[in-house]
PDB file of N, CA and C in Angstrom:
ATOM      1  N   MET A   1     -10.023 -30.290   2.889  1.00  0.00           N
ATOM      2  CA  MET A   1     -10.546 -29.005   2.520  1.00  0.00           C
ATOM      3  C   MET A   1     -10.287 -28.811   1.036  1.00  0.00           C
ATOM      4  N   LEU A   2     -11.267 -28.230   0.363  1.00  0.00           N
ATOM      5  CA  LEU A   2     -11.095 -27.941  -1.042  1.00  0.00           C
ATOM      6  C   LEU A   2     -11.836 -26.666  -1.390  1.00  0.00           C
ATOM      7  N   ALA A   3     -11.509 -26.131  -2.532  1.00  0.00           N
ATOM      8  CA  ALA A   3     -12.174 -24.938  -3.045  1.00  0.00           C
ATOM      9  C   ALA A   3     -12.784 -25.293  -4.390  1.00  0.00           C
ATOM     10  N   ILE A   4     -13.841 -24.591  -4.723  1.00  0.00           N
ATOM     11  CA  ILE A   4     -14.465 -24.778  -6.029  1.00  0.00           C
ATOM     12  C   ILE A   4     -14.518 -23.412  -6.693  1.00  0.00           C
ATOM     13  N   ASN A   5     -13.936 -23.322  -7.870  1.00  0.00           N
ATOM     14  CA  ASN A   5     -13.953 -22.084  -8.629  1.00  0.00           C
ATOM     15  C   ASN A   5     -15.004 -22.196  -9.713  1.00  0.00           C
ATOM     16  N   THR A   6     -15.773 -21.154  -9.879  1.00  0.00           N
ATOM     17  CA  THR A   6     -16.781 -21.142 -10.925  1.00  0.00           C
ATOM     18  C   THR A   6     -16.583 -19.918 -11.802  1.00  0.00           C
ATOM     19  N   GLY A   7     -16.577 -20.133 -13.099  1.00  0.00           N
ATOM     20  CA  GLY A   7     -16.557 -19.019 -14.029  1.00  0.00           C
ATOM     21  C   GLY A   7     -15.211 -18.548 -14.543  1.00  0.00           C
ATOM     22  N   GLU A   8     -14.123 -19.184 -14.126  1.00  0.00           N
ATOM     23  CA  GLU A   8     -12.824 -18.748 -14.618  1.00  0.00           C
ATOM     24  C   GLU A   8     -12.111 -19.890 -15.334  1.00  0.00           C
ATOM     25  N   LYS A   9     -11.214 -19.507 -16.226  1.00  0.00           N
ATOM     26  CA  LYS A   9     -10.455 -20.514 -16.969  1.00  0.00           C
ATOM     27  C   LYS A   9      -9.472 -21.231 -16.055  1.00  0.00           C
ATOM     28  N   LYS A  10      -9.162 -22.474 -16.423  1.00  0.00           N
ATOM     29  CA  LYS A  10      -8.240 -23.293 -15.648  1.00  0.00           C
ATOM     30  C   LYS A  10      -6.899 -22.592 -15.469  1.00  0.00           C
ATOM     31  N   SER A  11      -6.383 -21.983 -16.519  1.00  0.00           N
ATOM     32  CA  SER A  11      -5.078 -21.314 -16.430  1.00  0.00           C
ATOM     33  C   SER A  11      -5.106 -20.145 -15.453  1.00  0.00           C
ATOM     34  N   THR A  12      -6.213 -19.425 -15.402  1.00  0.00           N
ATOM     35  CA  THR A  12      -6.356 -18.299 -14.462  1.00  0.00           C
ATOM     36  C   THR A  12      -6.344 -18.801 -13.030  1.00  0.00           C
ATOM     37  N   VAL A  13      -7.065 -19.881 -12.785  1.00  0.00           N
ATOM     38  CA  VAL A  13      -7.129 -20.470 -11.446  1.00  0.00           C
ATOM     39  C   VAL A  13      -5.764 -21.016 -11.039  1.00  0.00           C
ATOM     40  N   GLN A  14      -5.108 -21.718 -11.945  1.00  0.00           N
ATOM     41  CA  GLN A  14      -3.793 -22.271 -11.640  1.00  0.00           C
ATOM     42  C   GLN A  14      -2.796 -21.170 -11.291  1.00  0.00           C
ATOM     43  N   GLN A  15      -2.821 -20.082 -12.024  1.00  0.00           N
ATOM     44  CA  GLN A  15      -1.906 -18.970 -11.748  1.00  0.00           C
ATOM     45  C   GLN A  15      -2.188 -18.357 -10.380  1.00  0.00           C
ATOM     46  N   PHE A  16      -3.467 -18.152 -10.056  1.00  0.00           N
ATOM     47  CA  PHE A  16      -3.855 -17.581  -8.769  1.00  0.00           C
ATOM     48  C   PHE A  16      -3.408 -18.471  -7.616  1.00  0.00           C
ATOM     49  N   VAL A  17      -3.626 -19.780  -7.745  1.00  0.00           N
ATOM     50  CA  VAL A  17      -3.236 -20.736  -6.710  1.00  0.00           C
ATOM     51  C   VAL A  17      -1.719 -20.726  -6.525  1.00  0.00           C
ATOM     52  N   ALA A  18      -0.986 -20.716  -7.617  1.00  0.00           N
ATOM     53  CA  ALA A  18       0.474 -20.712  -7.544  1.00  0.00           C
ATOM     54  C   ALA A  18       0.999 -19.417  -6.919  1.00  0.00           C
ATOM     55  N   GLU A  19       0.469 -18.280  -7.351  1.00  0.00           N
ATOM     56  CA  GLU A  19       0.927 -16.986  -6.823  1.00  0.00           C
ATOM     57  C   GLU A  19       0.685 -16.852  -5.328  1.00  0.00           C
ATOM     58  N   ASN A  20      -0.401 -17.446  -4.846  1.00  0.00           N
ATOM     59  CA  ASN A  20      -0.749 -17.344  -3.430  1.00  0.00           C
ATOM     60  C   ASN A  20      -0.245 -18.522  -2.610  1.00  0.00           C
ATOM     61  N   LYS A  21       0.447 -19.454  -3.289  1.00  0.00           N
ATOM     62  CA  LYS A  21       1.045 -20.619  -2.636  1.00  0.00           C
ATOM     63  C   LYS A  21       0.020 -21.455  -1.860  1.00  0.00           C
ATOM     64  N   TYR A  22      -1.181 -21.578  -2.425  1.00  0.00           N
ATOM     65  CA  TYR A  22      -2.203 -22.412  -1.804  1.00  0.00           C
ATOM     66  C   TYR A  22      -1.863 -23.875  -2.015  1.00  0.00           C
ATOM     67  N   THR A  23      -2.149 -24.686  -1.021  1.00  0.00           N
ATOM     68  CA  THR A  23      -1.890 -26.121  -1.123  1.00  0.00           C
ATOM     69  C   THR A  23      -3.182 -26.933  -1.148  1.00  0.00           C
ATOM     70  N   LEU A  24      -4.319 -26.284  -1.033  1.00  0.00           N
ATOM     71  CA  LEU A  24      -5.582 -27.016  -1.061  1.00  0.00           C
ATOM     72  C   LEU A  24      -5.979 -27.333  -2.493  1.00  0.00           C
ATOM     73  N   THR A  25      -6.830 -28.314  -2.644  1.00  0.00           N
ATOM     74  CA  THR A  25      -7.335 -28.708  -3.952  1.00  0.00           C
ATOM     75  C   THR A  25      -8.375 -27.700  -4.410  1.00  0.00           C
ATOM     76  N   VAL A  26      -8.255 -27.251  -5.653  1.00  0.00           N
ATOM     77  CA  VAL A  26      -9.233 -26.334  -6.236  1.00  0.00           C
ATOM     78  C   VAL A  26      -9.892 -27.041  -7.417  1.00  0.00           C
ATOM     79  N   LEU A  27     -11.185 -27.272  -7.301  1.00  0.00           N
ATOM     80  CA  LEU A  27     -11.947 -27.895  -8.377  1.00  0.00           C
ATOM     81  C   LEU A  27     -12.524 -26.803  -9.271  1.00  0.00           C
ATOM     82  N   LEU A  28     -12.726 -27.122 -10.542  1.00  0.00           N
ATOM     83  CA  LEU A  28     -13.302 -26.173 -11.482  1.00  0.00           C
ATOM     84  C   LEU A  28     -14.749 -26.555 -11.760  1.00  0.00           C
ATOM     85  N   ASP A  29     -15.635 -25.592 -11.574  1.00  0.00           N
ATOM     86  CA  ASP A  29     -17.066 -25.789 -11.820  1.00  0.00           C
ATOM     87  C   ASP A  29     -17.445 -24.978 -13.057  1.00  0.00           C
ATOM     88  N   SER A  30     -16.899 -25.380 -14.198  1.00  0.00           N
ATOM     89  CA  SER A  30     -17.066 -24.600 -15.423  1.00  0.00           C
ATOM     90  C   SER A  30     -18.510 -24.559 -15.927  1.00  0.00           C
ATOM     91  N   LYS A  31     -19.309 -25.545 -15.566  1.00  0.00           N
ATOM     92  CA  LYS A  31     -20.707 -25.569 -16.002  1.00  0.00           C
ATOM     93  C   LYS A  31     -21.668 -25.040 -14.943  1.00  0.00           C
ATOM     94  N   GLY A  32     -21.145 -24.678 -13.766  1.00  0.00           N
ATOM     95  CA  GLY A  32     -21.994 -24.127 -12.710  1.00  0.00           C
ATOM     96  C   GLY A  32     -22.814 -25.161 -11.967  1.00  0.00           C
ATOM     97  N   THR A  33     -22.459 -26.426 -12.091  1.00  0.00           N
ATOM     98  CA  THR A  33     -23.227 -27.501 -11.461  1.00  0.00           C
ATOM     99  C   THR A  33     -23.224 -27.389  -9.938  1.00  0.00           C
ATOM    100  N   ALA A  34     -22.047 -27.241  -9.341  1.00  0.00           N
ATOM    101  CA  ALA A  34     -21.959 -27.120  -7.878  1.00  0.00           C
ATOM    102  C   ALA A  34     -22.593 -25.812  -7.414  1.00  0.00           C
ATOM    103  N   ARG A  35     -22.381 -24.735  -8.171  1.00  0.00           N
ATOM    104  CA  ARG A  35     -22.965 -23.441  -7.813  1.00  0.00           C
ATOM    105  C   ARG A  35     -24.479 -23.557  -7.717  1.00  0.00           C
ATOM    106  N   ARG A  36     -25.096 -24.189  -8.686  1.00  0.00           N
ATOM    107  CA  ARG A  36     -26.558 -24.351  -8.665  1.00  0.00           C
ATOM    108  C   ARG A  36     -26.991 -25.292  -7.552  1.00  0.00           C
ATOM    109  N   ALA A  37     -26.267 -26.398  -7.372  1.00  0.00           N
ATOM    110  CA  ALA A  37     -26.646 -27.397  -6.361  1.00  0.00           C
ATOM    111  C   ALA A  37     -26.652 -26.812  -4.953  1.00  0.00           C
ATOM    112  N   TYR A  38     -25.701 -25.914  -4.669  1.00  0.00           N
ATOM    113  CA  TYR A  38     -25.620 -25.322  -3.342  1.00  0.00           C
ATOM    114  C   TYR A  38     -26.265 -23.940  -3.268  1.00  0.00           C
ATOM    115  N   GLY A  39     -26.853 -23.471  -4.355  1.00  0.00           N
ATOM    116  CA  GLY A  39     -27.548 -22.193  -4.342  1.00  0.00           C
ATOM    117  C   GLY A  39     -26.637 -21.004  -4.110  1.00  0.00           C
ATOM    118  N   VAL A  40     -25.429 -21.059  -4.660  1.00  0.00           N
ATOM    119  CA  VAL A  40     -24.473 -19.971  -4.467  1.00  0.00           C
ATOM    120  C   VAL A  40     -24.964 -18.728  -5.201  1.00  0.00           C
ATOM    121  N   SER A  41     -25.143 -17.652  -4.456  1.00  0.00           N
ATOM    122  CA  SER A  41     -25.589 -16.387  -5.052  1.00  0.00           C
ATOM    123  C   SER A  41     -24.570 -15.279  -4.845  1.00  0.00           C
ATOM    124  N   ALA A  42     -23.496 -15.559  -4.116  1.00  0.00           N
ATOM    125  CA  ALA A  42     -22.431 -14.585  -3.874  1.00  0.00           C
ATOM    126  C   ALA A  42     -21.106 -15.326  -3.846  1.00  0.00           C
ATOM    127  N   ILE A  43     -20.071 -14.632  -4.246  1.00  0.00           N
ATOM    128  CA  ILE A  43     -18.732 -15.219  -4.217  1.00  0.00           C
ATOM    129  C   ILE A  43     -17.841 -14.281  -3.437  1.00  0.00           C
ATOM    130  N   PRO A  44     -17.103 -14.770  -2.442  1.00  0.00           N
ATOM    131  CA  PRO A  44     -16.999 -16.179  -2.091  1.00  0.00           C
ATOM    132  C   PRO A  44     -18.175 -16.645  -1.240  1.00  0.00           C
ATOM    133  N   ALA A  45     -18.376 -17.927  -1.255  1.00  0.00           N
ATOM    134  CA  ALA A  45     -19.341 -18.582  -0.382  1.00  0.00           C
ATOM    135  C   ALA A  45     -18.593 -19.725   0.293  1.00  0.00           C
ATOM    136  N   THR A  46     -18.769 -19.853   1.598  1.00  0.00           N
ATOM    137  CA  THR A  46     -18.045 -20.863   2.364  1.00  0.00           C
ATOM    138  C   THR A  46     -19.044 -21.838   2.974  1.00  0.00           C
ATOM    139  N   TYR A  47     -18.805 -23.112   2.751  1.00  0.00           N
ATOM    140  CA  TYR A  47     -19.658 -24.163   3.291  1.00  0.00           C
ATOM    141  C   TYR A  47     -18.799 -25.140   4.079  1.00  0.00           C
ATOM    142  N   LEU A  48     -19.284 -25.551   5.229  1.00  0.00           N
ATOM    143  CA  LEU A  48     -18.683 -26.671   5.946  1.00  0.00           C
ATOM    144  C   LEU A  48     -19.657 -27.830   5.793  1.00  0.00           C
ATOM    145  N   VAL A  49     -19.168 -28.908   5.221  1.00  0.00           N
ATOM    146  CA  VAL A  49     -20.003 -30.066   4.925  1.00  0.00           C
ATOM    147  C   VAL A  49     -19.473 -31.245   5.720  1.00  0.00           C
ATOM    148  N   ASP A  50     -20.361 -31.943   6.429  1.00  0.00           N
ATOM    149  CA  ASP A  50     -19.913 -33.071   7.247  1.00  0.00           C
ATOM    150  C   ASP A  50     -19.682 -34.310   6.387  1.00  0.00           C
ATOM    151  N   GLY A  51     -19.247 -35.380   7.028  1.00  0.00           N
ATOM    152  CA  GLY A  51     -18.922 -36.620   6.340  1.00  0.00           C
ATOM    153  C   GLY A  51     -20.089 -37.259   5.616  1.00  0.00           C
ATOM    154  N   GLN A  52     -21.312 -36.897   5.977  1.00  0.00           N
ATOM    155  CA  GLN A  52     -22.495 -37.432   5.318  1.00  0.00           C
ATOM    156  C   GLN A  52     -22.977 -36.526   4.186  1.00  0.00           C
ATOM    157  N   GLY A  53     -22.248 -35.429   3.945  1.00  0.00           N
ATOM    158  CA  GLY A  53     -22.616 -34.519   2.861  1.00  0.00           C
ATOM    159  C   GLY A  53     -23.627 -33.455   3.247  1.00  0.00           C
ATOM    160  N   THR A  54     -23.902 -33.317   4.544  1.00  0.00           N
ATOM    161  CA  THR A  54     -24.860 -32.324   5.021  1.00  0.00           C
ATOM    162  C   THR A  54     -24.158 -31.004   5.309  1.00  0.00           C
ATOM    163  N   VAL A  55     -24.701 -29.915   4.786  1.00  0.00           N
ATOM    164  CA  VAL A  55     -24.133 -28.599   5.064  1.00  0.00           C
ATOM    165  C   VAL A  55     -24.403 -28.259   6.530  1.00  0.00           C
ATOM    166  N   GLN A  56     -23.323 -28.027   7.277  1.00  0.00           N
ATOM    167  CA  GLN A  56     -23.428 -27.709   8.696  1.00  0.00           C
ATOM    168  C   GLN A  56     -23.238 -26.220   8.979  1.00  0.00           C
ATOM    169  N   TYR A  57     -22.670 -25.487   8.021  1.00  0.00           N
ATOM    170  CA  TYR A  57     -22.371 -24.079   8.221  1.00  0.00           C
ATOM    171  C   TYR A  57     -22.271 -23.412   6.860  1.00  0.00           C
ATOM    172  N   PHE A  58     -22.738 -22.167   6.780  1.00  0.00           N
ATOM    173  CA  PHE A  58     -22.679 -21.415   5.540  1.00  0.00           C
ATOM    174  C   PHE A  58     -22.341 -19.962   5.836  1.00  0.00           C
ATOM    175  N   TRP A  59     -21.482 -19.391   5.030  1.00  0.00           N
ATOM    176  CA  TRP A  59     -21.118 -17.974   5.154  1.00  0.00           C
ATOM    177  C   TRP A  59     -21.052 -17.390   3.753  1.00  0.00           C
ATOM    178  N   ARG A  60     -21.761 -16.292   3.545  1.00  0.00           N
ATOM    179  CA  ARG A  60     -21.757 -15.617   2.249  1.00  0.00           C
ATOM    180  C   ARG A  60     -20.800 -14.433   2.310  1.00  0.00           C
ATOM    181  N   GLY A  61     -19.909 -14.326   1.308  1.00  0.00           N
ATOM    182  CA  GLY A  61     -18.972 -13.220   1.249  1.00  0.00           C
ATOM    183  C   GLY A  61     -17.757 -13.460   2.111  1.00  0.00           C
ATOM    184  N   TYR A  62     -17.044 -12.371   2.395  1.00  0.00           N
ATOM    185  CA  TYR A  62     -15.845 -12.453   3.220  1.00  0.00           C
ATOM    186  C   TYR A  62     -15.805 -11.224   4.096  1.00  0.00           C
ATOM    187  N   GLY A  63     -15.420 -11.400   5.340  1.00  0.00           N
ATOM    188  CA  GLY A  63     -15.352 -10.254   6.227  1.00  0.00           C
ATOM    189  C   GLY A  63     -14.459 -10.510   7.417  1.00  0.00           C
ATOM    190  N   SER A  64     -14.236  -9.458   8.144  1.00  0.00           N
ATOM    191  CA  SER A  64     -13.417  -9.530   9.346  1.00  0.00           C
ATOM    192  C   SER A  64     -14.020 -10.538  10.316  1.00  0.00           C
ATOM    193  N   GLY A  65     -13.180 -11.380  10.866  1.00  0.00           N
ATOM    194  CA  GLY A  65     -13.637 -12.359  11.841  1.00  0.00           C
ATOM    195  C   GLY A  65     -14.035 -13.697  11.267  1.00  0.00           C
ATOM    196  N   LEU A  66     -14.037 -13.808   9.938  1.00  0.00           N
ATOM    197  CA  LEU A  66     -14.448 -15.076   9.328  1.00  0.00           C
ATOM    198  C   LEU A  66     -13.546 -16.220   9.760  1.00  0.00           C
ATOM    199  N   GLU A  67     -12.231 -15.991   9.789  1.00  0.00           N
ATOM    200  CA  GLU A  67     -11.310 -17.066  10.150  1.00  0.00           C
ATOM    201  C   GLU A  67     -11.603 -17.613  11.543  1.00  0.00           C
ATOM    202  N   ALA A  68     -11.812 -16.727  12.499  1.00  0.00           N
ATOM    203  CA  ALA A  68     -12.097 -17.158  13.869  1.00  0.00           C
ATOM    204  C   ALA A  68     -13.421 -17.918  13.936  1.00  0.00           C
ATOM    205  N   GLU A  69     -14.409 -17.426  13.226  1.00  0.00           N
ATOM    206  CA  GLU A  69     -15.712 -18.100  13.224  1.00  0.00           C
ATOM    207  C   GLU A  69     -15.599 -19.487  12.589  1.00  0.00           C
ATOM    208  N   LEU A  70     -14.846 -19.591  11.488  1.00  0.00           N
ATOM    209  CA  LEU A  70     -14.655 -20.893  10.847  1.00  0.00           C
ATOM    210  C   LEU A  70     -13.935 -21.867  11.771  1.00  0.00           C
ATOM    211  N   ARG A  71     -12.897 -21.392  12.452  1.00  0.00           N
ATOM    212  CA  ARG A  71     -12.173 -22.261  13.385  1.00  0.00           C
ATOM    213  C   ARG A  71     -13.111 -22.797  14.466  1.00  0.00           C
ATOM    214  N   ALA A  72     -13.949 -21.935  15.002  1.00  0.00           N
ATOM    215  CA  ALA A  72     -14.897 -22.346  16.046  1.00  0.00           C
ATOM    216  C   ALA A  72     -15.901 -23.350  15.493  1.00  0.00           C
ATOM    217  N   GLU A  73     -16.426 -23.115  14.302  1.00  0.00           N
ATOM    218  CA  GLU A  73     -17.394 -24.033  13.699  1.00  0.00           C
ATOM    219  C   GLU A  73     -16.756 -25.385  13.386  1.00  0.00           C
ATOM    220  N   ILE A  74     -15.527 -25.367  12.894  1.00  0.00           N
ATOM    221  CA  ILE A  74     -14.822 -26.625  12.615  1.00  0.00           C
ATOM    222  C   ILE A  74     -14.583 -27.389  13.914  1.00  0.00           C
ATOM    223  N   ALA A  75     -14.177 -26.694  14.947  1.00  0.00           N
ATOM    224  CA  ALA A  75     -13.956 -27.342  16.249  1.00  0.00           C
ATOM    225  C   ALA A  75     -15.245 -27.980  16.752  1.00  0.00           C
ATOM    226  N   ASN A  76     -16.375 -27.333  16.529  1.00  0.00           N
ATOM    227  CA  ASN A  76     -17.669 -27.887  16.949  1.00  0.00           C
ATOM    228  C   ASN A  76     -18.045 -29.147  16.187  1.00  0.00           C
ATOM    229  N   LEU A  77     -17.573 -29.251  14.957  1.00  0.00           N
ATOM    230  CA  LEU A  77     -17.923 -30.418  14.135  1.00  0.00           C
ATOM    231  C   LEU A  77     -17.022 -31.612  14.383  1.00  0.00           C
ATOM    232  N   LEU A  78     -15.828 -31.373  14.926  1.00  0.00           N
ATOM    233  CA  LEU A  78     -14.903 -32.471  15.168  1.00  0.00           C
ATOM    234  C   LEU A  78     -15.292 -33.252  16.420  1.00  0.00           C
ATOM    235  N   PRO A  79     -15.078 -34.570  16.368  1.00  0.00           N
ATOM    236  CA  PRO A  79     -15.445 -35.390  17.544  1.00  0.00           C
ATOM    237  C   PRO A  79     -14.549 -35.100  18.745  1.00  0.00           C
TER     238      PRO A  79
END
């Protein structure tokens, strides 16, 4: 699992990750390449991508119940 940050400085992202004790990898998309490639129009945007690089699930924004829905979608993708 990884996160992609777009539009913020590396130091800002590093501080946020440290303060929240995140252990996942956070990539920086300073040029907006990933944002454009995946058509991100809202932040946060959540994508589940399979081993072949195909988007299997997409969620725009954040809301109540997202964690449960993500767990169910991940379980569906696992063999």
